């Protein structure tokens, strides 16, 4: 069974998600049709950040 986008997001590191976000912005402007992808990546980045911080014993992002 292939992982869903949410499953893939949960296993990616902050660095991986950040690289994807940078790729979207590589032209200096975010194309409107890619905005939903950007928004999904921002949520994935926050999730990965919280997960990594928790693994390090930190509190993560404020709620």
PDB file of N, CA and C in Angstrom:
ATOM      1  N   UNK A   1       0.848  -1.185   0.000  1.00  0.00           N
ATOM      2  CA  UNK A   1       0.000   0.000   0.000  1.00  0.00           C
ATOM      3  C   UNK A   1       0.890   1.243   0.000  1.00  0.00           C
ATOM      4  N   UNK A   2       0.625   2.163  -0.898  1.00  0.00           N
ATOM      5  CA  UNK A   2       1.405   3.394  -0.990  1.00  0.00           C
ATOM      6  C   UNK A   2       1.007   4.362   0.108  1.00  0.00           C
ATOM      7  N   UNK A   3       1.983   5.095   0.653  1.00  0.00           N
ATOM      8  CA  UNK A   3       1.645   6.076   1.696  1.00  0.00           C
ATOM      9  C   UNK A   3       0.851   7.240   1.120  1.00  0.00           C
ATOM     10  N   UNK A   4      -0.044   7.775   1.925  1.00  0.00           N
ATOM     11  CA  UNK A   4      -0.796   8.962   1.529  1.00  0.00           C
ATOM     12  C   UNK A   4       0.109  10.173   1.675  1.00  0.00           C
ATOM     13  N   UNK A   5      -0.262  11.336   1.101  1.00  0.00           N
ATOM     14  CA  UNK A   5       0.558  12.540   1.313  1.00  0.00           C
ATOM     15  C   UNK A   5       0.780  12.835   2.788  1.00  0.00           C
ATOM     16  N   UNK A   6      -0.225  12.629   3.622  1.00  0.00           N
ATOM     17  CA  UNK A   6      -0.065  12.891   5.059  1.00  0.00           C
ATOM     18  C   UNK A   6       0.952  11.934   5.668  1.00  0.00           C
ATOM     19  N   UNK A   7       0.938  10.664   5.227  1.00  0.00           N
ATOM     20  CA  UNK A   7       1.918   9.695   5.720  1.00  0.00           C
ATOM     21  C   UNK A   7       3.323  10.104   5.318  1.00  0.00           C
ATOM     22  N   UNK A   8       3.489  10.526   4.079  1.00  0.00           N
ATOM     23  CA  UNK A   8       4.809  10.958   3.613  1.00  0.00           C
ATOM     24  C   UNK A   8       5.276  12.164   4.408  1.00  0.00           C
ATOM     25  N   UNK A   9       4.379  13.102   4.685  1.00  0.00           N
ATOM     26  CA  UNK A   9       4.743  14.292   5.448  1.00  0.00           C
ATOM     27  C   UNK A   9       5.233  13.918   6.841  1.00  0.00           C
ATOM     28  N   UNK A  10       4.639  12.899   7.432  1.00  0.00           N
ATOM     29  CA  UNK A  10       4.978  12.562   8.809  1.00  0.00           C
ATOM     30  C   UNK A  10       6.356  11.931   8.934  1.00  0.00           C
ATOM     31  N   UNK A  11       6.930  11.426   7.850  1.00  0.00           N
ATOM     32  CA  UNK A  11       8.230  10.779   7.936  1.00  0.00           C
ATOM     33  C   UNK A  11       9.357  11.649   7.394  1.00  0.00           C
ATOM     34  N   UNK A  12       9.036  12.797   6.845  1.00  0.00           N
ATOM     35  CA  UNK A  12      10.073  13.670   6.297  1.00  0.00           C
ATOM     36  C   UNK A  12      10.648  14.569   7.378  1.00  0.00           C
ATOM     37  N   UNK A  13      11.912  14.921   7.213  1.00  0.00           N
ATOM     38  CA  UNK A  13      12.573  15.808   8.166  1.00  0.00           C
ATOM     39  C   UNK A  13      12.254  17.263   7.838  1.00  0.00           C
ATOM     40  N   UNK A  14      12.555  18.130   8.802  1.00  0.00           N
ATOM     41  CA  UNK A  14      12.404  19.569   8.586  1.00  0.00           C
ATOM     42  C   UNK A  14      13.222  19.984   7.366  1.00  0.00           C
ATOM     43  N   UNK A  15      14.438  19.472   7.254  1.00  0.00           N
ATOM     44  CA  UNK A  15      15.313  19.838   6.134  1.00  0.00           C
ATOM     45  C   UNK A  15      14.717  19.416   4.795  1.00  0.00           C
ATOM     46  N   UNK A  16      14.114  18.242   4.743  1.00  0.00           N
ATOM     47  CA  UNK A  16      13.505  17.775   3.501  1.00  0.00           C
ATOM     48  C   UNK A  16      12.332  18.661   3.095  1.00  0.00           C
ATOM     49  N   UNK A  17      11.475  18.963   4.047  1.00  0.00           N
ATOM     50  CA  UNK A  17      10.309  19.796   3.744  1.00  0.00           C
ATOM     51  C   UNK A  17      10.760  21.207   3.379  1.00  0.00           C
ATOM     52  N   UNK A  18      11.742  21.729   4.100  1.00  0.00           N
ATOM     53  CA  UNK A  18      12.253  23.059   3.813  1.00  0.00           C
ATOM     54  C   UNK A  18      12.821  23.127   2.394  1.00  0.00           C
ATOM     55  N   UNK A  19      13.501  22.075   1.965  1.00  0.00           N
ATOM     56  CA  UNK A  19      14.046  22.038   0.603  1.00  0.00           C
ATOM     57  C   UNK A  19      12.925  22.101  -0.428  1.00  0.00           C
ATOM     58  N   UNK A  20      11.818  21.427  -0.158  1.00  0.00           N
ATOM     59  CA  UNK A  20      10.682  21.471  -1.080  1.00  0.00           C
ATOM     60  C   UNK A  20      10.060  22.865  -1.118  1.00  0.00           C
ATOM     61  N   UNK A  21       9.970  23.507   0.035  1.00  0.00           N
ATOM     62  CA  UNK A  21       9.432  24.871   0.084  1.00  0.00           C
ATOM     63  C   UNK A  21      10.335  25.810  -0.710  1.00  0.00           C
ATOM     64  N   UNK A  22      11.636  25.697  -0.518  1.00  0.00           N
ATOM     65  CA  UNK A  22      12.583  26.540  -1.263  1.00  0.00           C
ATOM     66  C   UNK A  22      12.463  26.312  -2.762  1.00  0.00           C
ATOM     67  N   UNK A  23      12.255  25.065  -3.157  1.00  0.00           N
ATOM     68  CA  UNK A  23      12.086  24.734  -4.577  1.00  0.00           C
ATOM     69  C   UNK A  23      10.882  25.469  -5.162  1.00  0.00           C
ATOM     70  N   UNK A  24       9.780  25.495  -4.411  1.00  0.00           N
ATOM     71  CA  UNK A  24       8.584  26.188  -4.893  1.00  0.00           C
ATOM     72  C   UNK A  24       8.858  27.671  -5.138  1.00  0.00           C
ATOM     73  N   UNK A  25       9.695  28.257  -4.292  1.00  0.00           N
ATOM     74  CA  UNK A  25       9.988  29.684  -4.369  1.00  0.00           C
ATOM     75  C   UNK A  25      11.229  29.988  -5.207  1.00  0.00           C
ATOM     76  N   UNK A  26      11.799  28.997  -5.868  1.00  0.00           N
ATOM     77  CA  UNK A  26      13.078  29.178  -6.559  1.00  0.00           C
ATOM     78  C   UNK A  26      13.030  30.247  -7.646  1.00  0.00           C
ATOM     79  N   UNK A  27      11.879  30.491  -8.205  1.00  0.00           N
ATOM     80  CA  UNK A  27      11.755  31.521  -9.229  1.00  0.00           C
ATOM     81  C   UNK A  27      11.519  32.909  -8.657  1.00  0.00           C
ATOM     82  N   UNK A  28      11.430  33.012  -7.339  1.00  0.00           N
ATOM     83  CA  UNK A  28      11.222  34.299  -6.695  1.00  0.00           C
ATOM     84  C   UNK A  28       9.758  34.649  -6.478  1.00  0.00           C
ATOM     85  N   UNK A  29       8.866  33.930  -7.153  1.00  0.00           N
ATOM     86  CA  UNK A  29       7.429  34.166  -7.025  1.00  0.00           C
ATOM     87  C   UNK A  29       6.748  32.802  -6.950  1.00  0.00           C
ATOM     88  N   UNK A  30       5.797  32.672  -6.032  1.00  0.00           N
ATOM     89  CA  UNK A  30       5.054  31.420  -5.926  1.00  0.00           C
ATOM     90  C   UNK A  30       3.899  31.456  -6.925  1.00  0.00           C
ATOM     91  N   UNK A  31       3.892  30.541  -7.897  1.00  0.00           N
ATOM     92  CA  UNK A  31       2.767  30.499  -8.835  1.00  0.00           C
ATOM     93  C   UNK A  31       1.463  30.196  -8.083  1.00  0.00           C
ATOM     94  N   UNK A  32       0.409  30.898  -8.411  1.00  0.00           N
ATOM     95  CA  UNK A  32      -0.871  30.747  -7.708  1.00  0.00           C
ATOM     96  C   UNK A  32      -1.348  29.299  -7.704  1.00  0.00           C
ATOM     97  N   UNK A  33      -1.131  28.581  -8.788  1.00  0.00           N
ATOM     98  CA  UNK A  33      -1.603  27.196  -8.853  1.00  0.00           C
ATOM     99  C   UNK A  33      -0.820  26.263  -7.920  1.00  0.00           C
ATOM    100  N   UNK A  34       0.307  26.727  -7.395  1.00  0.00           N
ATOM    101  CA  UNK A  34       1.100  25.908  -6.471  1.00  0.00           C
ATOM    102  C   UNK A  34       0.886  26.307  -5.018  1.00  0.00           C
ATOM    103  N   UNK A  35       0.011  27.294  -4.779  1.00  0.00           N
ATOM    104  CA  UNK A  35      -0.248  27.744  -3.412  1.00  0.00           C
ATOM    105  C   UNK A  35      -0.768  26.620  -2.507  1.00  0.00           C
ATOM    106  N   UNK A  36      -1.709  25.779  -2.964  1.00  0.00           N
ATOM    107  CA  UNK A  36      -2.163  24.686  -2.086  1.00  0.00           C
ATOM    108  C   UNK A  36      -1.015  23.753  -1.682  1.00  0.00           C
ATOM    109  N   UNK A  37      -0.099  23.498  -2.587  1.00  0.00           N
ATOM    110  CA  UNK A  37       1.061  22.667  -2.266  1.00  0.00           C
ATOM    111  C   UNK A  37       1.936  23.351  -1.219  1.00  0.00           C
ATOM    112  N   UNK A  38       2.129  24.662  -1.374  1.00  0.00           N
ATOM    113  CA  UNK A  38       2.915  25.429  -0.408  1.00  0.00           C
ATOM    114  C   UNK A  38       2.274  25.369   0.978  1.00  0.00           C
ATOM    115  N   UNK A  39       0.963  25.567   1.032  1.00  0.00           N
ATOM    116  CA  UNK A  39       0.263  25.540   2.315  1.00  0.00           C
ATOM    117  C   UNK A  39       0.386  24.169   2.974  1.00  0.00           C
ATOM    118  N   UNK A  40       0.288  23.100   2.189  1.00  0.00           N
ATOM    119  CA  UNK A  40       0.443  21.748   2.720  1.00  0.00           C
ATOM    120  C   UNK A  40       1.858  21.549   3.253  1.00  0.00           C
ATOM    121  N   UNK A  41       2.846  22.076   2.536  1.00  0.00           N
ATOM    122  CA  UNK A  41       4.234  21.942   2.969  1.00  0.00           C
ATOM    123  C   UNK A  41       4.507  22.720   4.257  1.00  0.00           C
ATOM    124  N   UNK A  42       3.895  23.880   4.413  1.00  0.00           N
ATOM    125  CA  UNK A  42       4.083  24.651   5.650  1.00  0.00           C
ATOM    126  C   UNK A  42       3.545  23.854   6.842  1.00  0.00           C
ATOM    127  N   UNK A  43       2.395  23.219   6.670  1.00  0.00           N
ATOM    128  CA  UNK A  43       1.835  22.383   7.732  1.00  0.00           C
ATOM    129  C   UNK A  43       2.759  21.192   7.990  1.00  0.00           C
ATOM    130  N   UNK A  44       3.274  20.580   6.929  1.00  0.00           N
ATOM    131  CA  UNK A  44       4.196  19.446   7.082  1.00  0.00           C
ATOM    132  C   UNK A  44       5.472  19.880   7.792  1.00  0.00           C
ATOM    133  N   UNK A  45       5.965  21.088   7.475  1.00  0.00           N
ATOM    134  CA  UNK A  45       7.178  21.596   8.130  1.00  0.00           C
ATOM    135  C   UNK A  45       6.931  21.759   9.630  1.00  0.00           C
ATOM    136  N   UNK A  46       5.791  22.339   9.987  1.00  0.00           N
ATOM    137  CA  UNK A  46       5.478  22.541  11.406  1.00  0.00           C
ATOM    138  C   UNK A  46       5.372  21.201  12.125  1.00  0.00           C
ATOM    139  N   UNK A  47       4.747  20.224  11.485  1.00  0.00           N
ATOM    140  CA  UNK A  47       4.620  18.889  12.083  1.00  0.00           C
ATOM    141  C   UNK A  47       5.999  18.267  12.275  1.00  0.00           C
ATOM    142  N   UNK A  48       6.838  18.339  11.255  1.00  0.00           N
ATOM    143  CA  UNK A  48       8.188  17.771  11.344  1.00  0.00           C
ATOM    144  C   UNK A  48       9.005  18.487  12.416  1.00  0.00           C
ATOM    145  N   UNK A  49       8.834  19.798  12.510  1.00  0.00           N
ATOM    146  CA  UNK A  49       9.560  20.574  13.515  1.00  0.00           C
ATOM    147  C   UNK A  49       9.162  20.138  14.921  1.00  0.00           C
ATOM    148  N   UNK A  50       7.867  20.010  15.154  1.00  0.00           N
ATOM    149  CA  UNK A  50       7.391  19.557  16.470  1.00  0.00           C
ATOM    150  C   UNK A  50       7.920  18.165  16.783  1.00  0.00           C
ATOM    151  N   UNK A  51       7.896  17.285  15.797  1.00  0.00           N
ATOM    152  CA  UNK A  51       8.366  15.913  15.995  1.00  0.00           C
ATOM    153  C   UNK A  51       9.851  15.890  16.329  1.00  0.00           C
ATOM    154  N   UNK A  52      10.634  16.653  15.588  1.00  0.00           N
ATOM    155  CA  UNK A  52      12.077  16.687  15.844  1.00  0.00           C
ATOM    156  C   UNK A  52      12.384  17.310  17.200  1.00  0.00           C
ATOM    157  N   UNK A  53      11.670  18.365  17.553  1.00  0.00           N
ATOM    158  CA  UNK A  53      11.888  19.002  18.861  1.00  0.00           C
ATOM    159  C   UNK A  53      11.515  18.050  19.989  1.00  0.00           C
ATOM    160  N   UNK A  54      10.412  17.334  19.830  1.00  0.00           N
ATOM    161  CA  UNK A  54       9.986  16.388  20.862  1.00  0.00           C
ATOM    162  C   UNK A  54      11.021  15.275  21.022  1.00  0.00           C
ATOM    163  N   UNK A  55      11.592  14.836  19.914  1.00  0.00           N
ATOM    164  CA  UNK A  55      12.613  13.786  19.968  1.00  0.00           C
ATOM    165  C   UNK A  55      13.871  14.272  20.681  1.00  0.00           C
ATOM    166  N   UNK A  56      14.093  15.586  20.642  1.00  0.00           N
ATOM    167  CA  UNK A  56      15.256  16.178  21.305  1.00  0.00           C
ATOM    168  C   UNK A  56      14.930  16.607  22.735  1.00  0.00           C
ATOM    169  N   UNK A  57      13.691  16.399  23.149  1.00  0.00           N
ATOM    170  CA  UNK A  57      13.289  16.773  24.497  1.00  0.00           C
ATOM    171  C   UNK A  57      12.782  18.198  24.604  1.00  0.00           C
ATOM    172  N   UNK A  58      12.591  18.877  23.468  1.00  0.00           N
ATOM    173  CA  UNK A  58      12.095  20.252  23.473  1.00  0.00           C
ATOM    174  C   UNK A  58      10.585  20.295  23.444  1.00  0.00           C
ATOM    175  N   UNK A  59      10.056  21.479  23.599  1.00  0.00           N
ATOM    176  CA  UNK A  59       8.608  21.656  23.644  1.00  0.00           C
ATOM    177  C   UNK A  59       7.993  21.776  22.263  1.00  0.00           C
ATOM    178  N   UNK A  60       8.768  22.053  21.219  1.00  0.00           N
ATOM    179  CA  UNK A  60       8.213  22.233  19.891  1.00  0.00           C
ATOM    180  C   UNK A  60       7.648  23.625  19.720  1.00  0.00           C
ATOM    181  N   UNK A  61       6.794  23.773  18.729  1.00  0.00           N
ATOM    182  CA  UNK A  61       6.181  25.072  18.462  1.00  0.00           C
ATOM    183  C   UNK A  61       5.076  25.354  19.467  1.00  0.00           C
ATOM    184  N   UNK A  62       4.887  26.597  19.771  1.00  0.00           N
ATOM    185  CA  UNK A  62       3.787  26.993  20.658  1.00  0.00           C
ATOM    186  C   UNK A  62       2.469  26.720  19.962  1.00  0.00           C
ATOM    187  N   UNK A  63       1.486  26.315  20.715  1.00  0.00           N
ATOM    188  CA  UNK A  63       0.170  26.010  20.146  1.00  0.00           C
ATOM    189  C   UNK A  63      -0.607  27.260  19.882  1.00  0.00           C
TER     190      UNK A  63
END
